[in-house]
PDB file of all heavy atoms in Angstrom:
ATOM      1  N   VAL A   1      -0.779   1.642  -8.630  1.00  0.00           N
ATOM      2  CA  VAL A   1       0.001   0.594  -9.288  1.00  0.00           C
ATOM      3  C   VAL A   1       0.904   1.212 -10.351  1.00  0.00           C
ATOM      4  O   VAL A   1       2.088   0.871 -10.466  1.00  0.00           O
ATOM      5  CB  VAL A   1      -0.931  -0.466  -9.903  1.00  0.00           C
ATOM      6  CG1 VAL A   1      -0.131  -1.492 -10.689  1.00  0.00           C
ATOM      7  CG2 VAL A   1      -1.739  -1.157  -8.812  1.00  0.00           C
ATOM      8  N   VAL A   2       0.350   2.126 -11.126  1.00  0.00           N
ATOM      9  CA  VAL A   2       1.137   2.793 -12.173  1.00  0.00           C
ATOM     10  C   VAL A   2       2.284   3.588 -11.549  1.00  0.00           C
ATOM     11  O   VAL A   2       3.422   3.567 -12.025  1.00  0.00           O
ATOM     12  CB  VAL A   2       0.246   3.706 -13.028  1.00  0.00           C
ATOM     13  CG1 VAL A   2       1.085   4.517 -14.011  1.00  0.00           C
ATOM     14  CG2 VAL A   2      -0.799   2.871 -13.773  1.00  0.00           C
ATOM     15  N   THR A   3       1.996   4.289 -10.446  1.00  0.00           N
ATOM     16  CA  THR A   3       3.031   5.073  -9.766  1.00  0.00           C
ATOM     17  C   THR A   3       4.153   4.181  -9.259  1.00  0.00           C
ATOM     18  O   THR A   3       5.339   4.521  -9.366  1.00  0.00           O
ATOM     19  CB  THR A   3       2.414   5.858  -8.605  1.00  0.00           C
ATOM     20  OG1 THR A   3       1.420   6.758  -9.108  1.00  0.00           O
ATOM     21  CG2 THR A   3       3.483   6.657  -7.860  1.00  0.00           C
ATOM     22  N   ALA A   4       3.776   3.037  -8.697  1.00  0.00           N
ATOM     23  CA  ALA A   4       4.790   2.106  -8.195  1.00  0.00           C
ATOM     24  C   ALA A   4       5.697   1.627  -9.320  1.00  0.00           C
ATOM     25  O   ALA A   4       6.916   1.484  -9.152  1.00  0.00           O
ATOM     26  CB  ALA A   4       4.113   0.930  -7.506  1.00  0.00           C
ATOM     27  N   ALA A   5       5.115   1.370 -10.494  1.00  0.00           N
ATOM     28  CA  ALA A   5       5.927   0.943 -11.640  1.00  0.00           C
ATOM     29  C   ALA A   5       6.852   2.061 -12.105  1.00  0.00           C
ATOM     30  O   ALA A   5       8.021   1.822 -12.444  1.00  0.00           O
ATOM     31  CB  ALA A   5       5.018   0.498 -12.778  1.00  0.00           C
ATOM     32  N   GLU A   6       6.361   3.287 -12.121  1.00  0.00           N
ATOM     33  CA  GLU A   6       7.183   4.416 -12.540  1.00  0.00           C
ATOM     34  C   GLU A   6       8.344   4.635 -11.579  1.00  0.00           C
ATOM     35  O   GLU A   6       9.451   4.999 -11.983  1.00  0.00           O
ATOM     36  CB  GLU A   6       6.319   5.674 -12.638  1.00  0.00           C
ATOM     37  CG  GLU A   6       5.314   5.631 -13.783  1.00  0.00           C
ATOM     38  CD  GLU A   6       4.377   6.822 -13.778  1.00  0.00           C
ATOM     39  OE1 GLU A   6       4.320   7.534 -12.745  1.00  0.00           O
ATOM     40  OE2 GLU A   6       3.683   7.040 -14.785  1.00  0.00           O
ATOM     41  N   MET A   7       8.098   4.413 -10.284  1.00  0.00           N
ATOM     42  CA  MET A   7       9.163   4.588  -9.299  1.00  0.00           C
ATOM     43  C   MET A   7      10.287   3.566  -9.491  1.00  0.00           C
ATOM     44  O   MET A   7      11.430   3.812  -9.108  1.00  0.00           O
ATOM     45  CB  MET A   7       8.591   4.491  -7.884  1.00  0.00           C
ATOM     46  CG  MET A   7       7.673   5.651  -7.507  1.00  0.00           C
ATOM     47  SD  MET A   7       6.982   5.487  -5.851  1.00  0.00           S
ATOM     48  CE  MET A   7       8.473   5.594  -4.841  1.00  0.00           C
ATOM     49  N   ARG A   8       9.947   2.423 -10.099  1.00  0.00           N
ATOM     50  CA  ARG A   8      10.972   1.423 -10.384  1.00  0.00           C
ATOM     51  C   ARG A   8      11.539   1.583 -11.799  1.00  0.00           C
ATOM     52  O   ARG A   8      12.282   0.715 -12.287  1.00  0.00           O
ATOM     53  CB  ARG A   8      10.388   0.012 -10.234  1.00  0.00           C
ATOM     54  CG  ARG A   8       9.928  -0.323  -8.826  1.00  0.00           C
ATOM     55  CD  ARG A   8       9.669  -1.820  -8.682  1.00  0.00           C
ATOM     56  NE  ARG A   8       9.130  -2.170  -7.370  1.00  0.00           N
ATOM     57  CZ  ARG A   8       9.031  -3.417  -6.894  1.00  0.00           C
ATOM     58  NH1 ARG A   8       9.474  -4.441  -7.662  1.00  0.00           N
ATOM     59  NH2 ARG A   8       8.541  -3.654  -5.718  1.00  0.00           N
ATOM     60  N   ASP A   9      11.140   2.663 -12.479  1.00  0.00           N
ATOM     61  CA  ASP A   9      11.608   2.952 -13.844  1.00  0.00           C
ATOM     62  C   ASP A   9      11.250   1.822 -14.812  1.00  0.00           C
ATOM     63  O   ASP A   9      12.040   1.469 -15.711  1.00  0.00           O
ATOM     64  CB  ASP A   9      13.126   3.187 -13.861  1.00  0.00           C
ATOM     65  CG  ASP A   9      13.516   4.458 -13.124  1.00  0.00           C
ATOM     66  OD1 ASP A   9      12.739   5.429 -13.196  1.00  0.00           O
ATOM     67  OD2 ASP A   9      14.580   4.464 -12.482  1.00  0.00           O
ATOM     68  N   LEU A  10      10.069   1.243 -14.649  1.00  0.00           N
ATOM     69  CA  LEU A  10       9.607   0.176 -15.545  1.00  0.00           C
ATOM     70  C   LEU A  10       8.924   0.792 -16.759  1.00  0.00           C
ATOM     71  O   LEU A  10       8.229   1.803 -16.658  1.00  0.00           O
ATOM     72  CB  LEU A  10       8.647  -0.749 -14.800  1.00  0.00           C
ATOM     73  CG  LEU A  10       9.202  -1.421 -13.528  1.00  0.00           C
ATOM     74  CD1 LEU A  10       8.137  -2.286 -12.870  1.00  0.00           C
ATOM     75  CD2 LEU A  10      10.438  -2.248 -13.852  1.00  0.00           C
ATOM     76  N   THR A  11       9.115   0.190 -17.898  1.00  0.00           N
ATOM     77  CA  THR A  11       8.501   0.668 -19.140  1.00  0.00           C
ATOM     78  C   THR A  11       7.161  -0.031 -19.346  1.00  0.00           C
ATOM     79  O   THR A  11       7.096  -1.265 -19.430  1.00  0.00           O
ATOM     80  CB  THR A  11       9.414   0.389 -20.342  1.00  0.00           C
ATOM     81  OG1 THR A  11      10.677   1.036 -20.123  1.00  0.00           O
ATOM     82  CG2 THR A  11       8.784   0.907 -21.631  1.00  0.00           C
ATOM     83  N   LEU A  12       6.088   0.755 -19.418  1.00  0.00           N
ATOM     84  CA  LEU A  12       4.761   0.179 -19.555  1.00  0.00           C
ATOM     85  C   LEU A  12       4.459  -0.165 -21.009  1.00  0.00           C
ATOM     86  O   LEU A  12       4.925   0.501 -21.948  1.00  0.00           O
ATOM     87  CB  LEU A  12       3.707   1.154 -19.030  1.00  0.00           C
ATOM     88  CG  LEU A  12       3.857   1.623 -17.572  1.00  0.00           C
ATOM     89  CD1 LEU A  12       2.637   2.422 -17.138  1.00  0.00           C
ATOM     90  CD2 LEU A  12       4.098   0.451 -16.641  1.00  0.00           C
ATOM     91  N   LEU A  13       3.665  -1.222 -21.176  1.00  0.00           N
ATOM     92  CA  LEU A  13       3.237  -1.662 -22.506  1.00  0.00           C
ATOM     93  C   LEU A  13       2.016  -0.867 -22.939  1.00  0.00           C
ATOM     94  O   LEU A  13       1.214  -0.433 -22.115  1.00  0.00           O
ATOM     95  CB  LEU A  13       2.924  -3.157 -22.478  1.00  0.00           C
ATOM     96  CG  LEU A  13       4.046  -4.062 -21.941  1.00  0.00           C
ATOM     97  CD1 LEU A  13       3.561  -5.504 -21.855  1.00  0.00           C
ATOM     98  CD2 LEU A  13       5.285  -3.949 -22.809  1.00  0.00           C
ATOM     99  N   ARG A  14       1.857  -0.692 -24.233  1.00  0.00           N
ATOM    100  CA  ARG A  14       0.719   0.061 -24.775  1.00  0.00           C
ATOM    101  C   ARG A  14      -0.169  -0.864 -25.592  1.00  0.00           C
ATOM    102  O   ARG A  14       0.302  -1.827 -26.214  1.00  0.00           O
ATOM    103  CB  ARG A  14       1.222   1.205 -25.671  1.00  0.00           C
ATOM    104  CG  ARG A  14       2.126   2.199 -24.953  1.00  0.00           C
ATOM    105  CD  ARG A  14       1.355   3.018 -23.936  1.00  0.00           C
ATOM    106  NE  ARG A  14       2.218   3.947 -23.223  1.00  0.00           N
ATOM    107  CZ  ARG A  14       1.805   4.780 -22.284  1.00  0.00           C
ATOM    108  NH1 ARG A  14       0.522   4.780 -21.941  1.00  0.00           N
ATOM    109  NH2 ARG A  14       2.653   5.589 -21.685  1.00  0.00           N
ATOM    110  N   THR A  15      -1.453  -0.557 -25.574  1.00  0.00           N
ATOM    111  CA  THR A  15      -2.406  -1.345 -26.352  1.00  0.00           C
ATOM    112  C   THR A  15      -3.649  -0.527 -26.608  1.00  0.00           C
ATOM    113  O   THR A  15      -3.944   0.429 -25.883  1.00  0.00           O
ATOM    114  CB  THR A  15      -2.795  -2.639 -25.620  1.00  0.00           C
ATOM    115  OG1 THR A  15      -3.692  -3.399 -26.458  1.00  0.00           O
ATOM    116  CG2 THR A  15      -3.513  -2.327 -24.310  1.00  0.00           C
ATOM    117  N   GLU A  16      -4.365  -0.916 -27.651  1.00  0.00           N
ATOM    118  CA  GLU A  16      -5.668  -0.306 -27.907  1.00  0.00           C
ATOM    119  C   GLU A  16      -6.786  -1.258 -27.525  1.00  0.00           C
ATOM    120  O   GLU A  16      -7.959  -0.961 -27.728  1.00  0.00           O
ATOM    121  CB  GLU A  16      -5.782   0.078 -29.384  1.00  0.00           C
ATOM    122  CG  GLU A  16      -4.786   1.160 -29.812  1.00  0.00           C
ATOM    123  CD  GLU A  16      -4.934   1.508 -31.278  1.00  0.00           C
ATOM    124  OE1 GLU A  16      -5.791   0.886 -31.952  1.00  0.00           O
ATOM    125  OE2 GLU A  16      -4.205   2.409 -31.755  1.00  0.00           O
ATOM    126  N   THR A  17      -6.411  -2.405 -26.981  1.00  0.00           N
ATOM    127  CA  THR A  17      -7.402  -3.407 -26.579  1.00  0.00           C
ATOM    128  C   THR A  17      -7.395  -3.532 -25.065  1.00  0.00           C
ATOM    129  O   THR A  17      -6.665  -4.352 -24.492  1.00  0.00           O
ATOM    130  CB  THR A  17      -7.084  -4.772 -27.221  1.00  0.00           C
ATOM    131  OG1 THR A  17      -6.898  -4.596 -28.616  1.00  0.00           O
ATOM    132  CG2 THR A  17      -8.211  -5.762 -26.960  1.00  0.00           C
ATOM    133  N   ALA A  18      -8.150  -2.678 -24.403  1.00  0.00           N
ATOM    134  CA  ALA A  18      -8.265  -2.692 -22.945  1.00  0.00           C
ATOM    135  C   ALA A  18      -9.691  -2.318 -22.570  1.00  0.00           C
ATOM    136  O   ALA A  18     -10.245  -1.340 -23.094  1.00  0.00           O
ATOM    137  CB  ALA A  18      -7.274  -1.739 -22.306  1.00  0.00           C
ATOM    138  N   VAL A  19     -10.275  -3.119 -21.684  1.00  0.00           N
ATOM    139  CA  VAL A  19     -11.666  -2.902 -21.264  1.00  0.00           C
ATOM    140  C   VAL A  19     -11.716  -2.920 -19.738  1.00  0.00           C
ATOM    141  O   VAL A  19     -11.221  -3.864 -19.103  1.00  0.00           O
ATOM    142  CB  VAL A  19     -12.611  -3.978 -21.822  1.00  0.00           C
ATOM    143  CG1 VAL A  19     -14.029  -3.747 -21.322  1.00  0.00           C
ATOM    144  CG2 VAL A  19     -12.568  -3.988 -23.346  1.00  0.00           C
ATOM    145  N   GLU A  20     -12.300  -1.883 -19.150  1.00  0.00           N
ATOM    146  CA  GLU A  20     -12.472  -1.849 -17.694  1.00  0.00           C
ATOM    147  C   GLU A  20     -13.889  -2.274 -17.329  1.00  0.00           C
ATOM    148  O   GLU A  20     -14.864  -1.794 -17.927  1.00  0.00           O
ATOM    149  CB  GLU A  20     -12.205  -0.451 -17.139  1.00  0.00           C
ATOM    150  CG  GLU A  20     -12.369  -0.392 -15.623  1.00  0.00           C
ATOM    151  CD  GLU A  20     -12.072   0.984 -15.039  1.00  0.00           C
ATOM    152  OE1 GLU A  20     -12.066   1.963 -15.816  1.00  0.00           O
ATOM    153  OE2 GLU A  20     -11.849   1.074 -13.817  1.00  0.00           O
ATOM    154  N   VAL A  21     -13.987  -3.185 -16.379  1.00  0.00           N
ATOM    155  CA  VAL A  21     -15.278  -3.567 -15.818  1.00  0.00           C
ATOM    156  C   VAL A  21     -15.402  -2.834 -14.489  1.00  0.00           C
ATOM    157  O   VAL A  21     -14.695  -3.188 -13.528  1.00  0.00           O
ATOM    158  CB  VAL A  21     -15.375  -5.093 -15.602  1.00  0.00           C
ATOM    159  CG1 VAL A  21     -16.737  -5.442 -15.025  1.00  0.00           C
ATOM    160  CG2 VAL A  21     -15.126  -5.831 -16.903  1.00  0.00           C
ATOM    161  N   PRO A  22     -16.219  -1.804 -14.404  1.00  0.00           N
ATOM    162  CA  PRO A  22     -16.265  -0.982 -13.193  1.00  0.00           C
ATOM    163  C   PRO A  22     -16.449  -1.814 -11.931  1.00  0.00           C
ATOM    164  O   PRO A  22     -17.258  -2.747 -11.890  1.00  0.00           O
ATOM    165  CB  PRO A  22     -17.477  -0.067 -13.439  1.00  0.00           C
ATOM    166  CG  PRO A  22     -17.572   0.031 -14.926  1.00  0.00           C
ATOM    167  CD  PRO A  22     -17.168  -1.324 -15.429  1.00  0.00           C
ATOM    168  N   ALA A  23     -15.653  -1.471 -10.896  1.00  0.00           N
ATOM    169  CA  ALA A  23     -15.694  -2.104  -9.578  1.00  0.00           C
ATOM    170  C   ALA A  23     -15.190  -3.539  -9.587  1.00  0.00           C
ATOM    171  O   ALA A  23     -15.273  -4.233  -8.583  1.00  0.00           O
ATOM    172  CB  ALA A  23     -17.098  -2.057  -8.985  1.00  0.00           C
ATOM    173  N   HIS A  24     -14.645  -4.000 -10.711  1.00  0.00           N
ATOM    174  CA  HIS A  24     -14.128  -5.371 -10.767  1.00  0.00           C
ATOM    175  C   HIS A  24     -12.678  -5.425 -11.231  1.00  0.00           C
ATOM    176  O   HIS A  24     -11.834  -6.028 -10.576  1.00  0.00           O
ATOM    177  CB  HIS A  24     -15.005  -6.231 -11.696  1.00  0.00           C
ATOM    178  CG  HIS A  24     -16.344  -6.520 -11.120  1.00  0.00           C
ATOM    179  ND1 HIS A  24     -17.407  -5.652 -11.248  1.00  0.00           N
ATOM    180  CD2 HIS A  24     -16.793  -7.583 -10.412  1.00  0.00           C
ATOM    181  CE1 HIS A  24     -18.459  -6.158 -10.624  1.00  0.00           C
ATOM    182  NE2 HIS A  24     -18.113  -7.332 -10.110  1.00  0.00           N
ATOM    183  N   GLY A  25     -12.345  -4.822 -12.374  1.00  0.00           N
ATOM    184  CA  GLY A  25     -10.978  -4.893 -12.860  1.00  0.00           C
ATOM    185  C   GLY A  25     -10.871  -4.524 -14.322  1.00  0.00           C
ATOM    186  O   GLY A  25     -11.786  -3.943 -14.915  1.00  0.00           O
ATOM    187  N   VAL A  26      -9.720  -4.901 -14.912  1.00  0.00           N
ATOM    188  CA  VAL A  26      -9.409  -4.539 -16.299  1.00  0.00           C
ATOM    189  C   VAL A  26      -8.943  -5.783 -17.050  1.00  0.00           C
ATOM    190  O   VAL A  26      -8.188  -6.610 -16.522  1.00  0.00           O
ATOM    191  CB  VAL A  26      -8.298  -3.463 -16.350  1.00  0.00           C
ATOM    192  CG1 VAL A  26      -7.906  -3.153 -17.798  1.00  0.00           C
ATOM    193  CG2 VAL A  26      -8.752  -2.183 -15.646  1.00  0.00           C
ATOM    194  N   THR A  27      -9.410  -5.876 -18.300  1.00  0.00           N
ATOM    195  CA  THR A  27      -8.913  -6.901 -19.220  1.00  0.00           C
ATOM    196  C   THR A  27      -8.176  -6.183 -20.348  1.00  0.00           C
ATOM    197  O   THR A  27      -8.729  -5.271 -20.979  1.00  0.00           O
ATOM    198  CB  THR A  27     -10.066  -7.720 -19.810  1.00  0.00           C
ATOM    199  OG1 THR A  27     -10.762  -8.374 -18.749  1.00  0.00           O
ATOM    200  CG2 THR A  27      -9.550  -8.765 -20.776  1.00  0.00           C
ATOM    201  N   ALA A  28      -6.916  -6.584 -20.573  1.00  0.00           N
ATOM    202  CA  ALA A  28      -6.115  -5.928 -21.610  1.00  0.00           C
ATOM    203  C   ALA A  28      -5.329  -6.977 -22.387  1.00  0.00           C
ATOM    204  O   ALA A  28      -4.971  -8.032 -21.851  1.00  0.00           O
ATOM    205  CB  ALA A  28      -5.180  -4.906 -20.988  1.00  0.00           C
ATOM    206  N   ARG A  29      -5.050  -6.682 -23.653  1.00  0.00           N
ATOM    207  CA  ARG A  29      -4.267  -7.589 -24.483  1.00  0.00           C
ATOM    208  C   ARG A  29      -3.029  -6.853 -24.989  1.00  0.00           C
ATOM    209  O   ARG A  29      -3.123  -5.785 -25.584  1.00  0.00           O
ATOM    210  CB  ARG A  29      -5.095  -8.110 -25.649  1.00  0.00           C
ATOM    211  CG  ARG A  29      -4.335  -9.099 -26.551  1.00  0.00           C
ATOM    212  CD  ARG A  29      -5.267  -9.764 -27.537  1.00  0.00           C
ATOM    213  NE  ARG A  29      -6.192 -10.669 -26.870  1.00  0.00           N
ATOM    214  CZ  ARG A  29      -5.898 -11.925 -26.508  1.00  0.00           C
ATOM    215  NH1 ARG A  29      -4.690 -12.408 -26.740  1.00  0.00           N
ATOM    216  NH2 ARG A  29      -6.799 -12.675 -25.928  1.00  0.00           N
ATOM    217  N   PHE A  30      -1.861  -7.479 -24.724  1.00  0.00           N
ATOM    218  CA  PHE A  30      -0.596  -6.929 -25.169  1.00  0.00           C
ATOM    219  C   PHE A  30       0.055  -7.951 -26.105  1.00  0.00           C
ATOM    220  O   PHE A  30       0.616  -8.948 -25.648  1.00  0.00           O
ATOM    221  CB  PHE A  30       0.316  -6.655 -23.970  1.00  0.00           C
ATOM    222  CG  PHE A  30      -0.293  -5.720 -22.952  1.00  0.00           C
ATOM    223  CD1 PHE A  30      -0.878  -6.225 -21.801  1.00  0.00           C
ATOM    224  CD2 PHE A  30      -0.312  -4.355 -23.173  1.00  0.00           C
ATOM    225  CE1 PHE A  30      -1.443  -5.380 -20.866  1.00  0.00           C
ATOM    226  CE2 PHE A  30      -0.883  -3.499 -22.240  1.00  0.00           C
ATOM    227  CZ  PHE A  30      -1.456  -4.010 -21.090  1.00  0.00           C
ATOM    228  N   GLY A  31      -0.101  -7.713 -27.380  1.00  0.00           N
ATOM    229  CA  GLY A  31       0.361  -8.689 -28.360  1.00  0.00           C
ATOM    230  C   GLY A  31      -0.443  -9.965 -28.225  1.00  0.00           C
ATOM    231  O   GLY A  31      -1.677  -9.964 -28.326  1.00  0.00           O
ATOM    232  N   ALA A  32       0.231 -11.085 -27.952  1.00  0.00           N
ATOM    233  CA  ALA A  32      -0.461 -12.362 -27.813  1.00  0.00           C
ATOM    234  C   ALA A  32      -0.912 -12.626 -26.383  1.00  0.00           C
ATOM    235  O   ALA A  32      -1.623 -13.594 -26.116  1.00  0.00           O
ATOM    236  CB  ALA A  32       0.456 -13.495 -28.287  1.00  0.00           C
ATOM    237  N   GLN A  33      -0.496 -11.773 -25.432  1.00  0.00           N
ATOM    238  CA  GLN A  33      -0.817 -11.994 -24.024  1.00  0.00           C
ATOM    239  C   GLN A  33      -2.116 -11.310 -23.626  1.00  0.00           C
ATOM    240  O   GLN A  33      -2.341 -10.135 -23.956  1.00  0.00           O
ATOM    241  CB  GLN A  33       0.303 -11.457 -23.127  1.00  0.00           C
ATOM    242  CG  GLN A  33       1.511 -12.370 -22.993  1.00  0.00           C
ATOM    243  CD  GLN A  33       2.497 -11.819 -21.977  1.00  0.00           C
ATOM    244  OE1 GLN A  33       2.708 -10.616 -21.903  1.00  0.00           O
ATOM    245  NE2 GLN A  33       3.103 -12.709 -21.194  1.00  0.00           N
ATOM    246  N   GLU A  34      -2.961 -12.044 -22.877  1.00  0.00           N
ATOM    247  CA  GLU A  34      -4.162 -11.458 -22.290  1.00  0.00           C
ATOM    248  C   GLU A  34      -3.919 -11.317 -20.783  1.00  0.00           C
ATOM    249  O   GLU A  34      -3.620 -12.289 -20.087  1.00  0.00           O
ATOM    250  CB  GLU A  34      -5.390 -12.329 -22.521  1.00  0.00           C
ATOM    251  CG  GLU A  34      -6.665 -11.686 -21.961  1.00  0.00           C
ATOM    252  CD  GLU A  34      -7.876 -12.587 -22.111  1.00  0.00           C
ATOM    253  OE1 GLU A  34      -7.799 -13.748 -21.640  1.00  0.00           O
ATOM    254  OE2 GLU A  34      -8.900 -12.145 -22.669  1.00  0.00           O
ATOM    255  N   VAL A  35      -4.069 -10.082 -20.291  1.00  0.00           N
ATOM    256  CA  VAL A  35      -3.802  -9.793 -18.877  1.00  0.00           C
ATOM    257  C   VAL A  35      -5.106  -9.387 -18.201  1.00  0.00           C
ATOM    258  O   VAL A  35      -5.828  -8.510 -18.696  1.00  0.00           O
ATOM    259  CB  VAL A  35      -2.757  -8.666 -18.732  1.00  0.00           C
ATOM    260  CG1 VAL A  35      -2.536  -8.310 -17.267  1.00  0.00           C
ATOM    261  CG2 VAL A  35      -1.439  -9.082 -19.380  1.00  0.00           C
ATOM    262  N   ILE A  36      -5.385 -10.054 -17.090  1.00  0.00           N
ATOM    263  CA  ILE A  36      -6.563  -9.742 -16.282  1.00  0.00           C
ATOM    264  C   ILE A  36      -6.065  -9.256 -14.916  1.00  0.00           C
ATOM    265  O   ILE A  36      -5.273  -9.944 -14.260  1.00  0.00           O
ATOM    266  CB  ILE A  36      -7.473 -10.977 -16.071  1.00  0.00           C
ATOM    267  CG1 ILE A  36      -7.745 -11.679 -17.410  1.00  0.00           C
ATOM    268  CG2 ILE A  36      -8.761 -10.572 -15.372  1.00  0.00           C
ATOM    269  CD1 ILE A  36      -8.555 -10.861 -18.367  1.00  0.00           C
ATOM    270  N   VAL A  37      -6.528  -8.081 -14.474  1.00  0.00           N
ATOM    271  CA  VAL A  37      -6.121  -7.544 -13.179  1.00  0.00           C
ATOM    272  C   VAL A  37      -7.345  -6.991 -12.465  1.00  0.00           C
ATOM    273  O   VAL A  37      -8.196  -6.353 -13.080  1.00  0.00           O
ATOM    274  CB  VAL A  37      -5.041  -6.451 -13.338  1.00  0.00           C
ATOM    275  CG1 VAL A  37      -5.535  -5.300 -14.191  1.00  0.00           C
ATOM    276  CG2 VAL A  37      -4.585  -5.936 -11.984  1.00  0.00           C
ATOM    277  N   GLY A  38      -7.453  -7.279 -11.153  1.00  0.00           N
ATOM    278  CA  GLY A  38      -8.586  -6.771 -10.396  1.00  0.00           C
ATOM    279  C   GLY A  38      -8.879  -7.600  -9.159  1.00  0.00           C
ATOM    280  O   GLY A  38      -7.977  -8.178  -8.546  1.00  0.00           O
ATOM    281  N   LYS A  39     -10.163  -7.705  -8.809  1.00  0.00           N
ATOM    282  CA  LYS A  39     -10.602  -8.465  -7.636  1.00  0.00           C
ATOM    283  C   LYS A  39     -10.318  -9.950  -7.831  1.00  0.00           C
ATOM    284  O   LYS A  39     -10.232 -10.452  -8.957  1.00  0.00           O
ATOM    285  CB  LYS A  39     -12.097  -8.271  -7.407  1.00  0.00           C
ATOM    286  CG  LYS A  39     -12.485  -6.952  -6.758  1.00  0.00           C
ATOM    287  CD  LYS A  39     -13.985  -6.949  -6.506  1.00  0.00           C
ATOM    288  CE  LYS A  39     -14.417  -5.721  -5.716  1.00  0.00           C
ATOM    289  NZ  LYS A  39     -15.879  -5.726  -5.469  1.00  0.00           N
ATOM    290  N   LEU A  40     -10.244 -10.686  -6.698  1.00  0.00           N
ATOM    291  CA  LEU A  40     -10.007 -12.124  -6.759  1.00  0.00           C
ATOM    292  C   LEU A  40     -11.111 -12.826  -7.539  1.00  0.00           C
ATOM    293  O   LEU A  40     -10.826 -13.678  -8.405  1.00  0.00           O
ATOM    294  CB  LEU A  40      -9.904 -12.698  -5.346  1.00  0.00           C
ATOM    295  CG  LEU A  40      -9.747 -14.213  -5.254  1.00  0.00           C
ATOM    296  CD1 LEU A  40      -8.472 -14.676  -5.951  1.00  0.00           C
ATOM    297  CD2 LEU A  40      -9.770 -14.659  -3.795  1.00  0.00           C
ATOM    298  N   ALA A  41     -12.356 -12.497  -7.275  1.00  0.00           N
ATOM    299  CA  ALA A  41     -13.459 -13.167  -7.953  1.00  0.00           C
ATOM    300  C   ALA A  41     -13.424 -12.918  -9.453  1.00  0.00           C
ATOM    301  O   ALA A  41     -13.693 -13.816 -10.261  1.00  0.00           O
ATOM    302  CB  ALA A  41     -14.790 -12.695  -7.368  1.00  0.00           C
ATOM    303  N   PHE A  42     -13.072 -11.691  -9.846  1.00  0.00           N
ATOM    304  CA  PHE A  42     -13.002 -11.344 -11.254  1.00  0.00           C
ATOM    305  C   PHE A  42     -11.866 -12.103 -11.949  1.00  0.00           C
ATOM    306  O   PHE A  42     -12.034 -12.658 -13.045  1.00  0.00           O
ATOM    307  CB  PHE A  42     -12.794  -9.833 -11.381  1.00  0.00           C
ATOM    308  CG  PHE A  42     -12.680  -9.325 -12.787  1.00  0.00           C
ATOM    309  CD1 PHE A  42     -13.770  -9.375 -13.655  1.00  0.00           C
ATOM    310  CD2 PHE A  42     -11.495  -8.789 -13.257  1.00  0.00           C
ATOM    311  CE1 PHE A  42     -13.661  -8.903 -14.957  1.00  0.00           C
ATOM    312  CE2 PHE A  42     -11.379  -8.315 -14.548  1.00  0.00           C
ATOM    313  CZ  PHE A  42     -12.471  -8.370 -15.399  1.00  0.00           C
TER     314      PHE A  42
END
């Protein structure tokens, strides 16, 4: 996913609030936004 974004020259957001749930996905906060990425169930 990161490689695909780099190939499109997209600028990634940075945060110190990111938690990975192994085998399920990642929860991250970018400013006021909370982003959840991973499996459908998660």
